[in-house]
Amino acid sequence: MTLLHFILLIYAFLLSFFITDWSKTADSSAWSEPITNASNKLNIPLTVYGIGDHQAYADPEHQFQSAYGITTTGAVLVRPDGFIAWRIHILPSDPTQTLEQVLRKILCLAFE
């Protein structure tokens, strides 16, 4: 086994360990289907937390949006260690494609 193979094995192990707890927070139910689609296509488990009006977690004063710099249609992708990996201010025209591209870039996955 070469050093490169060893490094890649460690990277694959760490990636599989950390990727299980990625989370996507959003104040819009419009993200539910795109998140599920991208998660299934890339075989990356994502936990979705809806925050805001008519969501699982209430935010009556809309502090979440201002704290994270998003609107009611925006979303935040949080790494397993709690750092923000990506955020988008508003819902894009094709949220599934946008999220898939973001995940591929963040995780260094090949683009199709």
N, C-alpha and C. Protein backbone atom coordinates (compact mmCIF):
# COMPACT_ATOMS: atom_id res chain seq x y z
N MET A 1 0.84 -1.17 0.00
CA MET A 1 0.00 0.00 0.00
C MET A 1 0.90 1.24 0.00
N THR A 2 0.60 2.16 -0.91
CA THR A 2 1.38 3.38 -0.99
C THR A 2 0.83 4.41 -0.01
N LEU A 3 1.59 5.47 0.19
CA LEU A 3 1.15 6.55 1.08
C LEU A 3 -0.15 7.16 0.58
N LEU A 4 -0.30 7.33 -0.73
CA LEU A 4 -1.52 7.91 -1.29
C LEU A 4 -2.73 7.03 -0.96
N HIS A 5 -2.59 5.71 -1.12
CA HIS A 5 -3.70 4.81 -0.79
C HIS A 5 -4.06 4.92 0.70
N PHE A 6 -3.05 5.01 1.53
CA PHE A 6 -3.28 5.12 2.97
C PHE A 6 -4.04 6.41 3.30
N ILE A 7 -3.62 7.51 2.69
CA ILE A 7 -4.28 8.80 2.92
C ILE A 7 -5.73 8.74 2.44
N LEU A 8 -5.96 8.14 1.28
CA LEU A 8 -7.32 8.03 0.74
C LEU A 8 -8.19 7.16 1.63
N LEU A 9 -7.64 6.10 2.19
CA LEU A 9 -8.41 5.24 3.10
C LEU A 9 -8.80 6.01 4.36
N ILE A 10 -7.88 6.78 4.90
CA ILE A 10 -8.18 7.59 6.09
C ILE A 10 -9.26 8.62 5.76
N TYR A 11 -9.12 9.27 4.60
CA TYR A 11 -10.09 10.27 4.18
C TYR A 11 -11.47 9.64 4.03
N ALA A 12 -11.55 8.47 3.39
CA ALA A 12 -12.83 7.79 3.19
C ALA A 12 -13.46 7.43 4.53
N PHE A 13 -12.64 6.97 5.47
CA PHE A 13 -13.15 6.63 6.80
C PHE A 13 -13.69 7.87 7.50
N LEU A 14 -12.93 8.94 7.50
CA LEU A 14 -13.36 10.16 8.18
C LEU A 14 -14.62 10.72 7.54
N LEU A 15 -14.66 10.69 6.20
CA LEU A 15 -15.82 11.21 5.50
C LEU A 15 -17.06 10.40 5.86
N SER A 16 -16.95 9.08 5.88
CA SER A 16 -18.11 8.26 6.22
C SER A 16 -18.52 8.47 7.67
N PHE A 17 -17.59 8.77 8.54
CA PHE A 17 -17.89 9.01 9.94
C PHE A 17 -18.64 10.33 10.13
N PHE A 18 -18.16 11.38 9.50
CA PHE A 18 -18.74 12.71 9.72
C PHE A 18 -19.99 12.98 8.90
N ILE A 19 -20.11 12.39 7.74
CA ILE A 19 -21.19 12.77 6.83
C ILE A 19 -22.57 12.37 7.36
N THR A 20 -22.62 11.47 8.31
CA THR A 20 -23.93 11.00 8.78
C THR A 20 -24.73 12.08 9.48
N ASP A 21 -24.13 13.14 9.95
CA ASP A 21 -24.87 14.14 10.69
C ASP A 21 -24.91 15.51 10.03
N TRP A 22 -24.78 15.58 8.72
CA TRP A 22 -24.97 16.86 8.04
C TRP A 22 -26.41 17.25 8.23
N SER A 23 -26.66 18.51 8.35
CA SER A 23 -28.04 18.94 8.51
C SER A 23 -28.32 20.15 7.63
N LYS A 24 -29.54 20.22 7.22
CA LYS A 24 -29.99 21.32 6.38
C LYS A 24 -31.11 22.02 7.13
N THR A 25 -30.94 23.28 7.43
CA THR A 25 -31.97 24.02 8.14
C THR A 25 -32.60 25.02 7.19
N ALA A 26 -33.90 25.10 7.25
CA ALA A 26 -34.60 26.00 6.34
C ALA A 26 -35.92 26.42 6.95
N ASP A 27 -36.43 27.54 6.50
CA ASP A 27 -37.71 28.06 6.95
C ASP A 27 -38.75 27.88 5.86
N SER A 28 -38.50 27.01 4.91
CA SER A 28 -39.40 26.84 3.80
C SER A 28 -39.59 25.36 3.48
N SER A 29 -40.84 24.93 3.42
CA SER A 29 -41.10 23.54 3.08
C SER A 29 -40.72 23.25 1.63
N ALA A 30 -40.44 24.28 0.86
CA ALA A 30 -40.02 24.10 -0.53
C ALA A 30 -38.69 23.36 -0.63
N TRP A 31 -37.93 23.30 0.46
CA TRP A 31 -36.63 22.62 0.45
C TRP A 31 -36.74 21.12 0.70
N SER A 32 -37.84 20.65 1.23
CA SER A 32 -37.96 19.24 1.63
C SER A 32 -37.68 18.28 0.49
N GLU A 33 -38.36 18.45 -0.62
CA GLU A 33 -38.18 17.55 -1.77
C GLU A 33 -36.79 17.68 -2.38
N PRO A 34 -36.27 18.88 -2.63
CA PRO A 34 -34.91 18.98 -3.18
C PRO A 34 -33.85 18.35 -2.28
N ILE A 35 -34.00 18.49 -0.97
CA ILE A 35 -33.04 17.89 -0.04
C ILE A 35 -33.11 16.38 -0.13
N THR A 36 -34.31 15.84 -0.14
CA THR A 36 -34.49 14.39 -0.26
C THR A 36 -33.92 13.88 -1.57
N ASN A 37 -34.20 14.58 -2.67
CA ASN A 37 -33.70 14.16 -3.99
C ASN A 37 -32.18 14.16 -4.05
N ALA A 38 -31.55 15.24 -3.59
CA ALA A 38 -30.10 15.33 -3.63
C ALA A 38 -29.47 14.29 -2.70
N SER A 39 -30.05 14.12 -1.55
CA SER A 39 -29.55 13.14 -0.58
C SER A 39 -29.60 11.73 -1.17
N ASN A 40 -30.72 11.39 -1.78
CA ASN A 40 -30.86 10.06 -2.38
C ASN A 40 -29.94 9.87 -3.58
N LYS A 41 -29.83 10.87 -4.42
CA LYS A 41 -29.01 10.74 -5.62
C LYS A 41 -27.53 10.57 -5.28
N LEU A 42 -27.06 11.30 -4.27
CA LEU A 42 -25.65 11.25 -3.89
C LEU A 42 -25.37 10.23 -2.78
N ASN A 43 -26.44 9.60 -2.29
CA ASN A 43 -26.33 8.62 -1.20
C ASN A 43 -25.65 9.25 0.02
N ILE A 44 -26.10 10.45 0.36
CA ILE A 44 -25.57 11.19 1.50
C ILE A 44 -26.73 11.45 2.45
N PRO A 45 -26.70 10.86 3.62
CA PRO A 45 -27.81 11.12 4.55
C PRO A 45 -27.77 12.56 5.08
N LEU A 46 -28.89 13.23 4.98
CA LEU A 46 -29.02 14.58 5.50
C LEU A 46 -30.18 14.60 6.49
N THR A 47 -30.01 15.32 7.56
CA THR A 47 -31.09 15.53 8.51
C THR A 47 -31.64 16.92 8.25
N VAL A 48 -32.94 16.99 8.08
CA VAL A 48 -33.57 18.27 7.76
C VAL A 48 -34.28 18.81 8.99
N TYR A 49 -34.03 20.07 9.30
CA TYR A 49 -34.69 20.75 10.40
C TYR A 49 -35.42 21.97 9.84
N GLY A 50 -36.73 21.92 9.85
CA GLY A 50 -37.51 23.08 9.42
C GLY A 50 -37.65 24.05 10.58
N ILE A 51 -37.31 25.30 10.35
CA ILE A 51 -37.35 26.30 11.41
C ILE A 51 -38.16 27.50 10.92
N GLY A 52 -39.20 27.85 11.65
CA GLY A 52 -40.00 29.01 11.27
C GLY A 52 -41.48 28.70 11.33
N ASP A 53 -42.27 29.54 10.68
CA ASP A 53 -43.72 29.38 10.67
C ASP A 53 -44.11 28.04 10.05
N HIS A 54 -44.98 27.32 10.73
CA HIS A 54 -45.52 26.04 10.25
C HIS A 54 -44.43 24.99 10.03
N GLN A 55 -43.35 25.07 10.79
CA GLN A 55 -42.25 24.11 10.69
C GLN A 55 -42.12 23.37 12.02
N ALA A 56 -41.24 22.38 12.06
CA ALA A 56 -41.06 21.58 13.28
C ALA A 56 -40.57 22.43 14.45
N TYR A 57 -39.74 23.43 14.16
CA TYR A 57 -39.20 24.30 15.21
C TYR A 57 -39.68 25.72 14.98
N ALA A 58 -40.37 26.26 15.97
CA ALA A 58 -40.94 27.60 15.85
C ALA A 58 -39.87 28.68 16.02
N ASP A 59 -40.07 29.76 15.32
CA ASP A 59 -39.21 30.94 15.45
C ASP A 59 -40.11 32.16 15.27
N PRO A 60 -40.96 32.43 16.28
CA PRO A 60 -41.97 33.48 16.13
C PRO A 60 -41.41 34.87 15.88
N GLU A 61 -40.21 35.13 16.33
CA GLU A 61 -39.63 36.46 16.13
C GLU A 61 -38.70 36.51 14.92
N HIS A 62 -38.60 35.42 14.19
CA HIS A 62 -37.77 35.33 12.98
C HIS A 62 -36.31 35.70 13.25
N GLN A 63 -35.81 35.31 14.39
CA GLN A 63 -34.41 35.56 14.72
C GLN A 63 -33.48 34.64 13.96
N PHE A 64 -33.95 33.44 13.65
CA PHE A 64 -33.12 32.47 12.92
C PHE A 64 -32.68 33.05 11.58
N GLN A 65 -33.62 33.62 10.86
CA GLN A 65 -33.32 34.18 9.55
C GLN A 65 -32.26 35.26 9.62
N SER A 66 -32.43 36.20 10.52
CA SER A 66 -31.45 37.29 10.60
C SER A 66 -30.11 36.79 11.13
N ALA A 67 -30.12 35.84 12.05
CA ALA A 67 -28.87 35.31 12.59
C ALA A 67 -28.06 34.56 11.53
N TYR A 68 -28.76 33.88 10.63
CA TYR A 68 -28.08 33.08 9.61
C TYR A 68 -27.99 33.78 8.25
N GLY A 69 -28.54 34.96 8.14
CA GLY A 69 -28.43 35.72 6.89
C GLY A 69 -29.21 35.14 5.74
N ILE A 70 -30.41 34.64 6.02
CA ILE A 70 -31.25 34.08 4.97
C ILE A 70 -32.63 34.70 5.04
N THR A 71 -33.43 34.45 4.02
CA THR A 71 -34.82 34.89 4.01
C THR A 71 -35.70 33.68 4.34
N THR A 72 -37.01 33.86 4.26
CA THR A 72 -37.92 32.75 4.58
C THR A 72 -37.79 31.60 3.59
N THR A 73 -37.19 31.83 2.42
CA THR A 73 -37.01 30.75 1.45
C THR A 73 -35.56 30.27 1.38
N GLY A 74 -34.69 30.84 2.18
CA GLY A 74 -33.28 30.45 2.17
C GLY A 74 -33.04 29.19 2.98
N ALA A 75 -31.78 28.74 3.00
CA ALA A 75 -31.41 27.53 3.72
C ALA A 75 -29.94 27.59 4.12
N VAL A 76 -29.60 26.76 5.11
CA VAL A 76 -28.23 26.69 5.62
C VAL A 76 -27.84 25.22 5.69
N LEU A 77 -26.65 24.89 5.21
CA LEU A 77 -26.12 23.53 5.31
C LEU A 77 -25.06 23.55 6.41
N VAL A 78 -25.29 22.77 7.46
CA VAL A 78 -24.41 22.77 8.63
C VAL A 78 -23.61 21.47 8.66
N ARG A 79 -22.30 21.62 8.80
CA ARG A 79 -21.42 20.45 8.89
C ARG A 79 -21.67 19.72 10.20
N PRO A 80 -21.25 18.46 10.28
CA PRO A 80 -21.42 17.70 11.53
C PRO A 80 -20.74 18.35 12.74
N ASP A 81 -19.70 19.14 12.51
CA ASP A 81 -19.02 19.79 13.64
C ASP A 81 -19.63 21.14 13.99
N GLY A 82 -20.76 21.48 13.36
CA GLY A 82 -21.48 22.69 13.70
C GLY A 82 -21.14 23.91 12.87
N PHE A 83 -20.14 23.82 12.01
CA PHE A 83 -19.78 24.96 11.16
C PHE A 83 -20.70 25.02 9.95
N ILE A 84 -20.95 26.22 9.50
CA ILE A 84 -21.79 26.40 8.32
C ILE A 84 -20.95 26.11 7.08
N ALA A 85 -21.41 25.13 6.30
CA ALA A 85 -20.71 24.76 5.08
C ALA A 85 -21.19 25.61 3.90
N TRP A 86 -22.47 26.01 3.95
CA TRP A 86 -23.05 26.74 2.83
C TRP A 86 -24.36 27.35 3.28
N ARG A 87 -24.69 28.47 2.69
CA ARG A 87 -26.00 29.08 2.92
C ARG A 87 -26.45 29.74 1.63
N ILE A 88 -27.75 29.84 1.48
CA ILE A 88 -28.31 30.53 0.32
C ILE A 88 -29.43 31.43 0.82
N HIS A 89 -29.41 32.66 0.34
CA HIS A 89 -30.32 33.69 0.82
C HIS A 89 -31.78 33.39 0.44
N ILE A 90 -32.00 32.99 -0.82
CA ILE A 90 -33.36 32.70 -1.29
C ILE A 90 -33.38 31.37 -2.02
N LEU A 91 -34.56 30.83 -2.22
CA LEU A 91 -34.74 29.58 -2.95
C LEU A 91 -34.35 29.79 -4.41
N PRO A 92 -33.39 29.01 -4.94
CA PRO A 92 -33.00 29.16 -6.35
C PRO A 92 -34.06 28.57 -7.28
N SER A 93 -33.92 28.83 -8.56
CA SER A 93 -34.90 28.32 -9.52
C SER A 93 -34.91 26.80 -9.58
N ASP A 94 -33.76 26.15 -9.37
CA ASP A 94 -33.67 24.70 -9.34
C ASP A 94 -32.93 24.28 -8.07
N PRO A 95 -33.64 24.21 -6.94
CA PRO A 95 -32.97 23.93 -5.67
C PRO A 95 -32.31 22.55 -5.61
N THR A 96 -32.87 21.56 -6.28
CA THR A 96 -32.27 20.22 -6.26
C THR A 96 -30.90 20.25 -6.92
N GLN A 97 -30.82 20.84 -8.10
CA GLN A 97 -29.55 20.92 -8.82
C GLN A 97 -28.54 21.77 -8.04
N THR A 98 -28.99 22.87 -7.49
CA THR A 98 -28.10 23.74 -6.72
C THR A 98 -27.52 23.00 -5.52
N LEU A 99 -28.38 22.33 -4.76
CA LEU A 99 -27.91 21.60 -3.59
C LEU A 99 -26.98 20.46 -3.97
N GLU A 100 -27.31 19.76 -5.04
CA GLU A 100 -26.44 18.66 -5.49
C GLU A 100 -25.05 19.19 -5.87
N GLN A 101 -25.00 20.29 -6.60
CA GLN A 101 -23.71 20.88 -6.98
C GLN A 101 -22.92 21.32 -5.75
N VAL A 102 -23.61 21.91 -4.78
CA VAL A 102 -22.95 22.36 -3.56
C VAL A 102 -22.36 21.18 -2.80
N LEU A 103 -23.15 20.12 -2.63
CA LEU A 103 -22.67 18.94 -1.92
C LEU A 103 -21.49 18.30 -2.64
N ARG A 104 -21.56 18.22 -3.97
CA ARG A 104 -20.45 17.65 -4.74
C ARG A 104 -19.17 18.48 -4.55
N LYS A 105 -19.31 19.79 -4.54
CA LYS A 105 -18.15 20.66 -4.37
C LYS A 105 -17.58 20.56 -2.96
N ILE A 106 -18.44 20.63 -1.96
CA ILE A 106 -17.99 20.58 -0.57
C ILE A 106 -17.31 19.25 -0.25
N LEU A 107 -17.87 18.16 -0.78
CA LEU A 107 -17.36 16.82 -0.47
C LEU A 107 -16.37 16.29 -1.50
N CYS A 108 -16.00 17.13 -2.46
CA CYS A 108 -15.05 16.74 -3.49
C CYS A 108 -15.51 15.50 -4.26
N LEU A 109 -16.77 15.48 -4.62
CA LEU A 109 -17.34 14.40 -5.42
C LEU A 109 -17.30 14.80 -6.89
N ALA A 110 -17.21 13.83 -7.76
CA ALA A 110 -17.15 14.10 -9.20
C ALA A 110 -18.49 14.68 -9.68
N PHE A 111 -18.39 15.60 -10.63
CA PHE A 111 -19.58 16.16 -11.26
C PHE A 111 -19.95 15.29 -12.44
N GLU A 112 -21.26 15.12 -12.66
CA GLU A 112 -21.71 14.31 -13.80
C GLU A 112 -21.86 15.18 -15.02
